[in-house]
């Protein structure tokens, strides 16, 4: 997360205020925690926006994961739900929504398939400046 923190700090210093997060287990959650920490310590001006696919998207998570999500949820400045029903398309709609409102994309993608790879391809197509934290 050191590289991600360095990148986020650089973007904030350039004037970026709004950060969208997808709410997934793993990297999305870790970046959200990083943003909340930076907001509490150094950058009170930043806003963290949760963009999630549909209500109940955490239903298949384990108790620990749902508890962490519930603990983080009140810290978001805004939450946006992109679909009314659960579907694979809802996740892709979430990913496109994050890209469509952005100039930068910070990601952790190690494969050529899956949601992160889809989002990076979409972000490249729309000319976002991409920071892939895998190298």
N, C-alpha and C. Protein backbone atom coordinates (compact mmCIF):
# COMPACT_ATOMS: atom_id res chain seq x y z
N UNK A 1 0.82 -1.21 0.00
CA UNK A 1 0.00 0.00 0.00
C UNK A 1 0.86 1.27 0.00
N UNK A 2 2.15 1.12 0.18
CA UNK A 2 3.01 2.31 0.16
C UNK A 2 2.95 3.04 -1.17
N UNK A 3 2.98 2.28 -2.26
CA UNK A 3 2.90 2.90 -3.59
C UNK A 3 1.55 3.57 -3.81
N UNK A 4 0.50 2.92 -3.35
CA UNK A 4 -0.83 3.51 -3.48
C UNK A 4 -0.90 4.80 -2.68
N UNK A 5 -0.37 4.78 -1.47
CA UNK A 5 -0.39 5.99 -0.65
C UNK A 5 0.40 7.11 -1.31
N UNK A 6 1.54 6.80 -1.85
CA UNK A 6 2.36 7.79 -2.53
C UNK A 6 1.59 8.38 -3.73
N UNK A 7 0.92 7.52 -4.48
CA UNK A 7 0.15 7.97 -5.65
C UNK A 7 -1.03 8.85 -5.22
N UNK A 8 -1.76 8.41 -4.21
CA UNK A 8 -2.90 9.19 -3.73
C UNK A 8 -2.44 10.54 -3.21
N UNK A 9 -1.38 10.56 -2.44
CA UNK A 9 -0.86 11.84 -1.93
C UNK A 9 -0.48 12.78 -3.09
N UNK A 10 0.15 12.23 -4.11
CA UNK A 10 0.54 13.02 -5.27
C UNK A 10 -0.69 13.62 -5.96
N UNK A 11 -1.73 12.81 -6.13
CA UNK A 11 -2.96 13.30 -6.76
C UNK A 11 -3.63 14.38 -5.92
N UNK A 12 -3.65 14.19 -4.62
CA UNK A 12 -4.24 15.21 -3.74
C UNK A 12 -3.46 16.51 -3.83
N UNK A 13 -2.16 16.40 -3.85
CA UNK A 13 -1.31 17.60 -3.95
C UNK A 13 -1.53 18.32 -5.28
N UNK A 14 -1.99 17.57 -6.31
CA UNK A 14 -2.30 18.17 -7.61
C UNK A 14 -3.71 18.76 -7.63
N UNK A 15 -4.44 18.60 -6.53
CA UNK A 15 -5.77 19.19 -6.44
C UNK A 15 -6.94 18.24 -6.55
N UNK A 16 -6.68 16.94 -6.66
CA UNK A 16 -7.78 15.98 -6.71
C UNK A 16 -8.42 15.89 -5.33
N UNK A 17 -9.75 15.98 -5.31
CA UNK A 17 -10.49 15.99 -4.05
C UNK A 17 -11.41 14.77 -3.92
N UNK A 18 -11.97 14.31 -5.03
CA UNK A 18 -12.95 13.23 -5.00
C UNK A 18 -12.31 11.91 -5.41
N UNK A 19 -12.57 10.87 -4.61
CA UNK A 19 -12.06 9.54 -4.87
C UNK A 19 -13.21 8.55 -4.82
N UNK A 20 -13.43 7.83 -5.92
CA UNK A 20 -14.45 6.80 -5.98
C UNK A 20 -13.85 5.44 -5.69
N UNK A 21 -14.58 4.64 -4.92
CA UNK A 21 -14.13 3.31 -4.51
C UNK A 21 -15.24 2.31 -4.81
N UNK A 22 -14.87 1.14 -5.31
CA UNK A 22 -15.86 0.15 -5.74
C UNK A 22 -16.46 -0.71 -4.65
N UNK A 23 -15.90 -0.73 -3.46
CA UNK A 23 -16.50 -1.46 -2.35
C UNK A 23 -16.24 -2.95 -2.32
N UNK A 24 -15.40 -3.46 -3.20
CA UNK A 24 -15.13 -4.90 -3.22
C UNK A 24 -14.20 -5.30 -2.07
N UNK A 25 -14.22 -6.59 -1.77
CA UNK A 25 -13.29 -7.14 -0.78
C UNK A 25 -11.88 -7.02 -1.36
N UNK A 26 -10.92 -6.74 -0.54
CA UNK A 26 -9.54 -6.71 -1.01
C UNK A 26 -9.06 -5.30 -1.27
N UNK A 27 -8.58 -5.07 -2.48
CA UNK A 27 -7.92 -3.80 -2.78
C UNK A 27 -8.84 -2.59 -2.60
N UNK A 28 -10.10 -2.70 -3.03
CA UNK A 28 -11.03 -1.57 -2.85
C UNK A 28 -11.14 -1.20 -1.38
N UNK A 29 -11.27 -2.21 -0.53
CA UNK A 29 -11.41 -1.97 0.90
C UNK A 29 -10.14 -1.37 1.48
N UNK A 30 -9.00 -1.87 1.06
CA UNK A 30 -7.73 -1.35 1.57
C UNK A 30 -7.52 0.11 1.14
N UNK A 31 -7.87 0.43 -0.09
CA UNK A 31 -7.73 1.82 -0.56
C UNK A 31 -8.70 2.72 0.19
N UNK A 32 -9.91 2.23 0.45
CA UNK A 32 -10.87 3.04 1.22
C UNK A 32 -10.30 3.35 2.60
N UNK A 33 -9.73 2.36 3.26
CA UNK A 33 -9.13 2.59 4.58
C UNK A 33 -7.98 3.58 4.50
N UNK A 34 -7.17 3.47 3.46
CA UNK A 34 -6.08 4.43 3.23
C UNK A 34 -6.64 5.84 3.08
N UNK A 35 -7.67 6.01 2.26
CA UNK A 35 -8.26 7.33 2.05
C UNK A 35 -8.85 7.89 3.34
N UNK A 36 -9.52 7.05 4.11
CA UNK A 36 -10.09 7.52 5.38
C UNK A 36 -8.97 7.97 6.34
N UNK A 37 -7.88 7.22 6.35
CA UNK A 37 -6.76 7.61 7.22
C UNK A 37 -6.14 8.93 6.77
N UNK A 38 -5.93 9.07 5.46
CA UNK A 38 -5.35 10.31 4.95
C UNK A 38 -6.27 11.51 5.19
N UNK A 39 -7.56 11.28 5.07
CA UNK A 39 -8.52 12.36 5.33
C UNK A 39 -8.47 12.76 6.81
N UNK A 40 -8.33 11.80 7.70
CA UNK A 40 -8.32 12.09 9.13
C UNK A 40 -7.02 12.75 9.59
N UNK A 41 -5.92 12.48 8.87
CA UNK A 41 -4.63 12.97 9.35
C UNK A 41 -4.08 14.16 8.59
N UNK A 42 -4.18 14.14 7.26
CA UNK A 42 -3.47 15.16 6.47
C UNK A 42 -4.32 15.92 5.47
N UNK A 43 -5.39 15.32 5.00
CA UNK A 43 -6.15 15.91 3.89
C UNK A 43 -7.65 15.92 4.18
N UNK A 44 -8.10 16.77 5.09
CA UNK A 44 -9.53 16.77 5.44
C UNK A 44 -10.44 17.17 4.28
N UNK A 45 -9.88 17.72 3.23
CA UNK A 45 -10.69 18.18 2.10
C UNK A 45 -11.15 17.06 1.18
N UNK A 46 -10.52 15.89 1.25
CA UNK A 46 -10.89 14.84 0.29
C UNK A 46 -12.24 14.22 0.64
N UNK A 47 -12.91 13.77 -0.41
CA UNK A 47 -14.22 13.12 -0.30
C UNK A 47 -14.08 11.71 -0.87
N UNK A 48 -14.63 10.75 -0.16
CA UNK A 48 -14.55 9.35 -0.57
C UNK A 48 -15.97 8.88 -0.89
N UNK A 49 -16.15 8.42 -2.12
CA UNK A 49 -17.46 8.03 -2.62
C UNK A 49 -17.48 6.53 -2.89
N UNK A 50 -18.42 5.85 -2.27
CA UNK A 50 -18.61 4.42 -2.50
C UNK A 50 -19.55 4.25 -3.69
N UNK A 51 -19.13 3.48 -4.67
CA UNK A 51 -19.99 3.13 -5.80
C UNK A 51 -20.16 1.62 -5.74
N UNK A 52 -21.39 1.18 -5.46
CA UNK A 52 -21.61 -0.25 -5.29
C UNK A 52 -22.64 -0.77 -6.30
N UNK A 53 -22.57 -2.08 -6.60
CA UNK A 53 -23.36 -2.61 -7.72
C UNK A 53 -24.87 -2.70 -7.47
N UNK A 54 -25.28 -3.16 -6.29
CA UNK A 54 -26.70 -3.34 -5.99
C UNK A 54 -26.83 -3.55 -4.48
N UNK A 55 -28.04 -3.31 -3.99
CA UNK A 55 -28.29 -3.55 -2.56
C UNK A 55 -28.08 -5.02 -2.26
N UNK A 56 -27.42 -5.30 -1.15
CA UNK A 56 -27.20 -6.68 -0.75
C UNK A 56 -26.03 -7.36 -1.41
N UNK A 57 -25.17 -6.59 -2.07
CA UNK A 57 -24.03 -7.21 -2.78
C UNK A 57 -23.07 -7.91 -1.83
N UNK A 58 -23.17 -7.64 -0.54
CA UNK A 58 -22.28 -8.27 0.45
C UNK A 58 -22.86 -9.57 1.01
N UNK A 59 -23.99 -10.03 0.51
CA UNK A 59 -24.68 -11.18 1.11
C UNK A 59 -23.86 -12.47 1.10
N UNK A 60 -22.95 -12.62 0.16
CA UNK A 60 -22.13 -13.85 0.11
C UNK A 60 -20.81 -13.71 0.84
N UNK A 61 -20.58 -12.57 1.43
CA UNK A 61 -19.36 -12.36 2.19
C UNK A 61 -19.48 -13.07 3.54
N UNK A 62 -18.33 -13.32 4.17
CA UNK A 62 -18.37 -13.92 5.50
C UNK A 62 -18.65 -12.83 6.55
N UNK A 63 -18.89 -13.24 7.77
CA UNK A 63 -19.27 -12.30 8.83
C UNK A 63 -18.21 -11.23 9.07
N UNK A 64 -16.96 -11.62 9.03
CA UNK A 64 -15.87 -10.65 9.26
C UNK A 64 -15.85 -9.59 8.15
N UNK A 65 -16.01 -10.02 6.91
CA UNK A 65 -16.01 -9.08 5.78
C UNK A 65 -17.21 -8.13 5.85
N UNK A 66 -18.37 -8.66 6.19
CA UNK A 66 -19.56 -7.80 6.31
C UNK A 66 -19.43 -6.83 7.47
N UNK A 67 -18.82 -7.26 8.55
CA UNK A 67 -18.61 -6.38 9.71
C UNK A 67 -17.67 -5.24 9.35
N UNK A 68 -16.62 -5.53 8.61
CA UNK A 68 -15.70 -4.48 8.19
C UNK A 68 -16.40 -3.50 7.25
N UNK A 69 -17.18 -4.01 6.33
CA UNK A 69 -17.95 -3.14 5.42
C UNK A 69 -18.88 -2.24 6.22
N UNK A 70 -19.58 -2.80 7.19
CA UNK A 70 -20.51 -2.01 8.02
C UNK A 70 -19.76 -0.95 8.83
N UNK A 71 -18.56 -1.27 9.26
CA UNK A 71 -17.75 -0.30 10.02
C UNK A 71 -17.28 0.84 9.13
N UNK A 72 -16.97 0.54 7.88
CA UNK A 72 -16.46 1.56 6.96
C UNK A 72 -17.58 2.40 6.35
N UNK A 73 -18.74 1.82 6.17
CA UNK A 73 -19.83 2.48 5.45
C UNK A 73 -20.13 3.91 5.93
N UNK A 74 -20.22 4.17 7.23
CA UNK A 74 -20.53 5.54 7.65
C UNK A 74 -19.43 6.57 7.35
N UNK A 75 -18.25 6.09 7.01
CA UNK A 75 -17.14 7.00 6.75
C UNK A 75 -17.16 7.56 5.32
N UNK A 76 -17.92 6.92 4.44
CA UNK A 76 -18.01 7.43 3.06
C UNK A 76 -18.80 8.73 3.06
N UNK A 77 -18.39 9.65 2.22
CA UNK A 77 -19.11 10.92 2.09
C UNK A 77 -20.39 10.77 1.30
N UNK A 78 -20.41 9.76 0.43
CA UNK A 78 -21.58 9.52 -0.41
C UNK A 78 -21.53 8.06 -0.84
N UNK A 79 -22.72 7.46 -1.02
CA UNK A 79 -22.80 6.10 -1.54
C UNK A 79 -23.75 6.11 -2.74
N UNK A 80 -23.31 5.48 -3.83
CA UNK A 80 -24.08 5.44 -5.07
C UNK A 80 -24.32 3.99 -5.45
N UNK A 81 -25.57 3.61 -5.58
CA UNK A 81 -25.95 2.27 -6.03
C UNK A 81 -26.29 2.37 -7.52
N UNK A 82 -25.70 1.51 -8.35
CA UNK A 82 -25.85 1.66 -9.80
C UNK A 82 -26.89 0.75 -10.44
N UNK A 83 -27.39 -0.26 -9.73
CA UNK A 83 -28.36 -1.18 -10.33
C UNK A 83 -29.42 -1.59 -9.30
N UNK A 84 -30.58 -1.89 -9.79
CA UNK A 84 -31.67 -2.29 -8.90
C UNK A 84 -31.66 -3.77 -8.57
N UNK A 85 -31.04 -4.58 -9.44
CA UNK A 85 -31.04 -6.03 -9.23
C UNK A 85 -29.62 -6.59 -9.29
N UNK A 86 -29.45 -7.68 -8.59
CA UNK A 86 -28.17 -8.38 -8.61
C UNK A 86 -27.94 -9.02 -9.97
N UNK A 87 -26.75 -8.78 -10.53
CA UNK A 87 -26.37 -9.41 -11.79
C UNK A 87 -24.89 -9.17 -12.03
N UNK A 88 -24.34 -9.94 -12.94
CA UNK A 88 -22.94 -9.70 -13.33
C UNK A 88 -22.83 -8.32 -13.97
N UNK A 89 -23.82 -7.96 -14.75
CA UNK A 89 -23.81 -6.65 -15.41
C UNK A 89 -23.77 -5.50 -14.39
N UNK A 90 -24.37 -5.70 -13.22
CA UNK A 90 -24.35 -4.65 -12.20
C UNK A 90 -22.92 -4.31 -11.77
N UNK A 91 -22.08 -5.33 -11.68
CA UNK A 91 -20.68 -5.09 -11.32
C UNK A 91 -19.97 -4.31 -12.43
N UNK A 92 -20.24 -4.66 -13.67
CA UNK A 92 -19.63 -3.95 -14.79
C UNK A 92 -20.15 -2.52 -14.87
N UNK A 93 -21.42 -2.33 -14.58
CA UNK A 93 -22.00 -0.99 -14.55
C UNK A 93 -21.32 -0.16 -13.46
N UNK A 94 -21.08 -0.77 -12.31
CA UNK A 94 -20.35 -0.10 -11.23
C UNK A 94 -18.96 0.33 -11.71
N UNK A 95 -18.27 -0.58 -12.38
CA UNK A 95 -16.92 -0.28 -12.85
C UNK A 95 -16.93 0.85 -13.87
N UNK A 96 -17.88 0.81 -14.80
CA UNK A 96 -17.98 1.89 -15.80
C UNK A 96 -18.33 3.22 -15.15
N UNK A 97 -19.20 3.19 -14.16
CA UNK A 97 -19.57 4.41 -13.45
C UNK A 97 -18.33 5.05 -12.80
N UNK A 98 -17.50 4.23 -12.18
CA UNK A 98 -16.27 4.74 -11.56
C UNK A 98 -15.37 5.40 -12.60
N UNK A 99 -15.21 4.77 -13.74
CA UNK A 99 -14.36 5.30 -14.80
C UNK A 99 -14.96 6.56 -15.41
N UNK A 100 -16.25 6.53 -15.70
CA UNK A 100 -16.91 7.65 -16.38
C UNK A 100 -16.79 8.96 -15.61
N UNK A 101 -16.67 8.88 -14.30
CA UNK A 101 -16.56 10.09 -13.50
C UNK A 101 -15.15 10.42 -13.09
N UNK A 102 -14.16 9.86 -13.77
CA UNK A 102 -12.78 9.97 -13.31
C UNK A 102 -11.82 10.45 -14.39
N UNK A 103 -10.70 10.97 -13.94
CA UNK A 103 -9.59 11.31 -14.81
C UNK A 103 -8.41 10.37 -14.57
N UNK A 104 -8.44 9.69 -13.42
CA UNK A 104 -7.35 8.80 -13.01
C UNK A 104 -7.95 7.48 -12.56
N UNK A 105 -7.15 6.43 -12.68
CA UNK A 105 -7.57 5.10 -12.22
C UNK A 105 -6.41 4.49 -11.45
N UNK A 106 -6.64 4.22 -10.19
CA UNK A 106 -5.66 3.51 -9.37
C UNK A 106 -6.20 2.10 -9.20
N UNK A 107 -5.42 1.12 -9.63
CA UNK A 107 -5.91 -0.26 -9.62
C UNK A 107 -4.81 -1.22 -9.21
N UNK A 108 -5.22 -2.43 -8.92
CA UNK A 108 -4.31 -3.53 -8.67
C UNK A 108 -4.79 -4.69 -9.53
N UNK A 109 -4.15 -4.87 -10.66
CA UNK A 109 -4.61 -5.87 -11.63
C UNK A 109 -3.44 -6.75 -12.04
N UNK A 110 -3.60 -8.05 -11.82
CA UNK A 110 -2.52 -8.99 -12.13
C UNK A 110 -2.89 -9.95 -13.25
N UNK A 111 -4.15 -9.89 -13.74
CA UNK A 111 -4.60 -10.82 -14.76
C UNK A 111 -5.17 -10.06 -15.96
N UNK A 112 -5.30 -10.77 -17.07
CA UNK A 112 -5.88 -10.18 -18.28
C UNK A 112 -7.39 -10.37 -18.36
N UNK A 113 -7.96 -11.05 -17.37
CA UNK A 113 -9.41 -11.26 -17.36
C UNK A 113 -9.94 -10.89 -15.97
N UNK A 114 -11.25 -10.76 -15.89
CA UNK A 114 -11.88 -10.42 -14.62
C UNK A 114 -12.24 -8.96 -14.55
N UNK A 115 -12.85 -8.59 -13.43
CA UNK A 115 -13.37 -7.25 -13.26
C UNK A 115 -12.33 -6.15 -13.31
N UNK A 116 -11.19 -6.36 -12.65
CA UNK A 116 -10.15 -5.33 -12.66
C UNK A 116 -9.59 -5.13 -14.07
N UNK A 117 -9.37 -6.23 -14.79
CA UNK A 117 -8.85 -6.13 -16.16
C UNK A 117 -9.87 -5.42 -17.06
N UNK A 118 -11.14 -5.76 -16.91
CA UNK A 118 -12.19 -5.09 -17.67
C UNK A 118 -12.17 -3.58 -17.41
N UNK A 119 -12.07 -3.23 -16.15
CA UNK A 119 -12.09 -1.82 -15.78
C UNK A 119 -10.87 -1.08 -16.33
N UNK A 120 -9.71 -1.70 -16.28
CA UNK A 120 -8.51 -1.07 -16.83
C UNK A 120 -8.62 -0.88 -18.34
N UNK A 121 -9.14 -1.86 -19.04
CA UNK A 121 -9.33 -1.71 -20.49
C UNK A 121 -10.30 -0.57 -20.78
N UNK A 122 -11.38 -0.51 -20.03
CA UNK A 122 -12.37 0.55 -20.20
C UNK A 122 -11.75 1.91 -19.90
N UNK A 123 -10.96 1.99 -18.84
CA UNK A 123 -10.30 3.25 -18.46
C UNK A 123 -9.31 3.69 -19.54
N UNK A 124 -8.56 2.76 -20.10
CA UNK A 124 -7.62 3.09 -21.18
C UNK A 124 -8.37 3.62 -22.39
N UNK A 125 -9.48 2.96 -22.72
CA UNK A 125 -10.31 3.36 -23.86
C UNK A 125 -10.78 4.80 -23.71
N UNK A 126 -11.04 5.23 -22.49
CA UNK A 126 -11.54 6.58 -22.24
C UNK A 126 -10.45 7.56 -21.83
N UNK A 127 -9.20 7.15 -21.96
CA UNK A 127 -8.09 8.07 -21.80
C UNK A 127 -7.72 8.44 -20.38
N UNK A 128 -8.12 7.63 -19.41
CA UNK A 128 -7.74 7.92 -18.03
C UNK A 128 -6.24 7.68 -17.83
N UNK A 129 -5.65 8.42 -16.94
CA UNK A 129 -4.27 8.15 -16.53
C UNK A 129 -4.34 7.00 -15.53
N UNK A 130 -3.65 5.92 -15.84
CA UNK A 130 -3.78 4.69 -15.05
C UNK A 130 -2.54 4.44 -14.22
N UNK A 131 -2.79 4.09 -12.96
CA UNK A 131 -1.75 3.68 -12.04
C UNK A 131 -2.08 2.26 -11.60
N UNK A 132 -1.37 1.28 -12.18
CA UNK A 132 -1.56 -0.11 -11.77
C UNK A 132 -0.50 -0.42 -10.72
N UNK A 133 -0.93 -0.66 -9.51
CA UNK A 133 -0.02 -0.81 -8.40
C UNK A 133 0.75 -2.14 -8.40
N UNK A 134 0.55 -2.95 -9.43
CA UNK A 134 1.30 -4.22 -9.52
C UNK A 134 2.67 -4.04 -10.17
N UNK A 135 2.91 -2.88 -10.73
CA UNK A 135 4.22 -2.66 -11.34
C UNK A 135 4.13 -2.16 -12.69
